[in-house]
N, C-alpha and C. Protein backbone atom coordinates (compact mmCIF):
# COMPACT_ATOMS: atom_id res chain seq x y z
N MET A 1 193.40 7.82 43.80
CA MET A 1 194.66 8.00 43.31
C MET A 1 195.82 6.56 43.67
N ILE A 2 196.44 6.11 42.60
CA ILE A 2 197.82 4.89 43.25
C ILE A 2 198.66 5.16 42.23
N GLU A 3 199.57 5.18 43.64
CA GLU A 3 200.95 5.54 42.89
C GLU A 3 201.87 3.96 42.38
N VAL A 4 202.24 4.75 41.56
CA VAL A 4 203.27 3.08 40.24
C VAL A 4 204.45 4.11 40.16
N MET A 5 205.74 3.30 41.30
CA MET A 5 207.52 3.09 41.29
C MET A 5 207.71 2.26 40.09
N PHE A 6 209.22 2.90 39.49
CA PHE A 6 209.29 2.26 38.97
C PHE A 6 210.67 1.80 39.41
N PHE A 7 212.05 0.83 39.48
CA PHE A 7 212.79 0.82 40.81
C PHE A 7 214.00 0.14 38.96
N GLY A 8 215.18 0.00 39.80
CA GLY A 8 216.27 0.10 38.69
C GLY A 8 216.30 0.36 36.85
N GLN A 9 216.85 -0.43 36.72
CA GLN A 9 216.71 -0.21 35.21
C GLN A 9 216.08 0.26 34.46
N LEU A 10 214.73 -0.44 34.67
CA LEU A 10 213.32 0.74 34.74
C LEU A 10 213.26 2.01 34.96
N THR A 11 213.97 2.80 35.37
CA THR A 11 213.59 3.97 35.87
C THR A 11 213.95 4.29 34.78
N ASP A 12 215.33 3.72 34.06
CA ASP A 12 215.96 4.81 32.71
C ASP A 12 215.30 4.60 31.50
N SER A 13 214.51 2.64 31.14
CA SER A 13 213.89 2.74 30.34
C SER A 13 212.45 3.25 30.19
N THR A 14 211.34 3.56 31.65
CA THR A 14 210.67 4.73 31.25
C THR A 14 210.63 6.24 31.30
N GLY A 15 211.62 6.15 31.67
CA GLY A 15 212.47 8.06 32.30
C GLY A 15 211.87 8.91 32.99
N VAL A 16 210.68 8.34 34.28
CA VAL A 16 210.51 8.24 35.16
C VAL A 16 210.89 7.46 36.27
N SER A 17 210.77 7.87 37.56
CA SER A 17 210.83 6.76 38.70
C SER A 17 209.42 6.76 39.68
N SER A 18 208.31 7.90 39.29
CA SER A 18 207.12 7.54 39.38
C SER A 18 205.67 8.49 38.47
N VAL A 19 204.74 7.56 38.82
CA VAL A 19 203.53 8.69 38.29
C VAL A 19 202.70 8.28 39.56
N MET A 20 201.53 9.15 39.08
CA MET A 20 200.07 8.94 39.71
C MET A 20 199.22 8.42 38.51
N VAL A 21 198.68 7.38 38.32
CA VAL A 21 196.83 6.93 38.16
C VAL A 21 196.05 7.58 38.89
N GLU A 22 194.82 7.09 37.88
CA GLU A 22 193.20 6.95 38.63
C GLU A 22 192.47 5.69 38.10
N GLU A 23 191.82 5.09 38.49
CA GLU A 23 190.95 4.40 37.56
C GLU A 23 191.49 3.33 36.94
N VAL A 24 192.20 2.67 38.27
CA VAL A 24 192.92 0.68 37.39
C VAL A 24 192.47 0.17 39.01
N ALA A 25 191.65 -1.05 38.08
CA ALA A 25 190.76 -1.44 38.94
C ALA A 25 192.17 -3.06 39.12
N ASN A 26 193.12 -3.04 38.97
CA ASN A 26 193.87 -4.49 39.56
C ASN A 26 195.14 -4.52 38.58
N THR A 27 196.30 -5.36 38.92
CA THR A 27 197.32 -4.74 38.01
C THR A 27 197.27 -5.18 36.37
N ASP A 28 196.44 -6.29 36.37
CA ASP A 28 196.26 -6.75 34.51
C ASP A 28 196.05 -5.54 33.82
N MET A 29 195.06 -4.53 34.28
CA MET A 29 194.84 -3.08 34.10
C MET A 29 196.06 -2.42 33.50
N LEU A 30 196.82 -2.06 34.47
CA LEU A 30 197.62 -1.07 34.89
C LEU A 30 198.88 -1.72 34.06
N ILE A 31 199.50 -2.44 33.82
CA ILE A 31 200.40 -3.16 33.35
C ILE A 31 199.93 -3.05 31.95
N ASP A 32 199.00 -3.13 31.58
CA ASP A 32 198.65 -2.90 29.88
C ASP A 32 198.47 -1.63 29.74
N MET A 33 197.85 -0.34 31.32
CA MET A 33 198.22 1.25 30.69
C MET A 33 199.73 1.30 30.23
N MET A 34 200.62 0.75 31.62
CA MET A 34 201.50 0.61 31.53
C MET A 34 202.92 0.79 30.28
N LYS A 35 202.88 -0.11 29.72
CA LYS A 35 202.91 -0.62 28.71
C LYS A 35 202.73 0.31 27.19
N MET A 36 201.34 0.81 27.64
CA MET A 36 201.25 1.45 25.93
C MET A 36 201.50 2.84 26.72
N ARG A 37 201.58 3.22 27.87
CA ARG A 37 202.55 4.39 27.72
C ARG A 37 204.13 4.89 27.90
N TYR A 38 204.55 3.26 28.04
CA TYR A 38 205.91 3.02 27.82
C TYR A 38 205.88 2.09 27.43
N PRO A 39 206.44 2.21 26.18
CA PRO A 39 206.10 0.98 25.32
C PRO A 39 207.61 -0.26 25.52
N SER A 40 208.46 0.56 26.30
CA SER A 40 209.90 -0.17 26.72
C SER A 40 209.77 -0.95 27.06
N LEU A 41 208.58 -0.71 28.40
CA LEU A 41 208.07 -2.00 29.22
C LEU A 41 207.90 -3.61 28.63
N ALA A 42 207.20 -3.33 27.27
CA ALA A 42 206.65 -4.85 26.54
C ALA A 42 208.06 -5.77 26.86
N SER A 43 209.18 -5.01 26.50
CA SER A 43 210.59 -6.47 26.46
C SER A 43 211.34 -6.03 27.36
N SER A 44 210.48 -5.43 28.68
CA SER A 44 211.39 -5.37 29.57
C SER A 44 211.16 -6.64 30.63
N LYS A 45 212.37 -7.50 31.69
CA LYS A 45 211.36 -8.12 32.50
C LYS A 45 211.64 -7.53 34.00
N TYR A 46 210.33 -7.41 34.66
CA TYR A 46 209.92 -6.86 35.98
C TYR A 46 209.43 -7.84 36.69
N MET A 47 209.29 -7.80 38.06
CA MET A 47 208.43 -7.90 39.76
C MET A 47 207.13 -6.91 39.69
N VAL A 48 206.16 -7.52 39.59
CA VAL A 48 205.32 -6.08 40.35
C VAL A 48 204.59 -6.48 42.09
N ALA A 49 205.10 -5.49 42.62
CA ALA A 49 204.11 -5.57 44.05
C ALA A 49 203.01 -4.51 44.49
N VAL A 50 202.52 -5.03 45.35
CA VAL A 50 200.87 -4.12 45.52
C VAL A 50 201.30 -3.90 46.52
N ASN A 51 201.23 -2.61 47.41
CA ASN A 51 201.51 -2.56 48.69
C ASN A 51 203.02 -3.27 49.36
N ASN A 52 204.07 -3.02 48.62
CA ASN A 52 204.41 -3.60 49.46
C ASN A 52 205.17 -5.93 49.71
N THR A 53 203.76 -6.03 48.93
CA THR A 53 203.70 -7.80 48.47
C THR A 53 203.99 -8.05 47.28
N MET A 54 204.59 -9.24 46.99
CA MET A 54 204.99 -9.03 45.53
C MET A 54 203.69 -9.88 44.93
N VAL A 55 203.10 -9.43 43.89
CA VAL A 55 202.24 -10.46 43.21
C VAL A 55 202.03 -11.37 41.75
N THR A 56 202.11 -12.16 41.49
CA THR A 56 202.34 -13.33 40.91
C THR A 56 201.24 -13.51 39.81
N GLU A 57 199.96 -13.54 40.01
CA GLU A 57 198.74 -13.52 39.34
C GLU A 57 197.93 -11.38 39.20
N ASN A 58 196.95 -11.86 38.81
CA ASN A 58 196.09 -10.32 38.55
C ASN A 58 195.56 -10.23 40.49
N THR A 59 195.93 -8.80 40.73
CA THR A 59 195.40 -8.32 41.60
C THR A 59 194.84 -7.00 42.42
N ILE A 60 193.80 -7.56 42.82
CA ILE A 60 193.10 -6.20 42.32
C ILE A 60 193.71 -5.01 43.22
N ILE A 61 193.44 -3.65 42.55
CA ILE A 61 194.51 -2.58 43.72
C ILE A 61 193.18 -1.49 44.24
N THR A 62 193.36 -0.69 45.25
CA THR A 62 192.50 -0.29 45.82
C THR A 62 192.79 1.35 45.92
N PRO A 63 191.97 2.16 45.98
CA PRO A 63 192.61 3.90 46.03
C PRO A 63 193.62 4.06 46.99
N GLY A 64 195.09 4.17 47.42
CA GLY A 64 195.62 5.09 47.38
C GLY A 64 197.17 3.40 47.78
N SER A 65 196.85 2.68 46.19
CA SER A 65 197.16 1.74 46.80
C SER A 65 199.29 1.88 46.37
N LYS A 66 199.97 1.89 46.01
CA LYS A 66 201.76 1.37 45.52
C LYS A 66 201.73 0.39 45.29
N VAL A 67 202.12 0.66 43.86
CA VAL A 67 202.48 -0.74 43.12
C VAL A 67 203.92 -0.20 42.17
N ALA A 68 204.94 -0.67 42.93
CA ALA A 68 205.88 -1.00 42.75
C ALA A 68 206.26 -1.79 40.94
N PHE A 69 207.20 -1.61 39.99
CA PHE A 69 207.68 -2.14 38.83
C PHE A 69 208.88 -3.02 39.17
N MET A 70 209.77 -3.78 39.55
CA MET A 70 211.05 -4.07 39.65
C MET A 70 211.93 -5.01 38.65
N PRO A 71 212.98 -4.53 38.92
CA PRO A 71 213.59 -5.69 37.91
C PRO A 71 213.57 -7.06 38.67
N PRO A 72 214.19 -7.73 38.04
CA PRO A 72 214.56 -8.97 38.39
C PRO A 72 215.77 -8.89 39.35
N PHE A 73 215.93 -9.90 41.22
CA PHE A 73 216.62 -9.73 41.87
C PHE A 73 217.19 -11.71 41.71
N SER A 74 218.45 -11.12 42.48
CA SER A 74 218.81 -12.65 42.86
C SER A 74 219.46 -12.44 43.29
N GLY A 75 219.25 -13.62 44.89
CA GLY A 75 220.07 -13.04 46.42
C GLY A 75 221.50 -14.08 45.99
N GLY A 76 222.21 -13.57 47.26
CA GLY A 76 223.52 -14.37 47.01
C GLY A 76 224.77 -14.35 47.92
């Protein structure tokens, strides 16, 4: 199982703060799955982290991983 967590306004747009999913090999597959389950993600801006590491390209996901969808943020 893989835990998928949503933060900030993504929690509001999906209606959940986390879900458990099975059999997802990589982040591209997971993003596609989440967009089908939560259509509002298709028009949302977000960043993805796998096991507390930000990723910008397709990344392998292993069972037990935690994946976070986070809204963009800026420092200051």
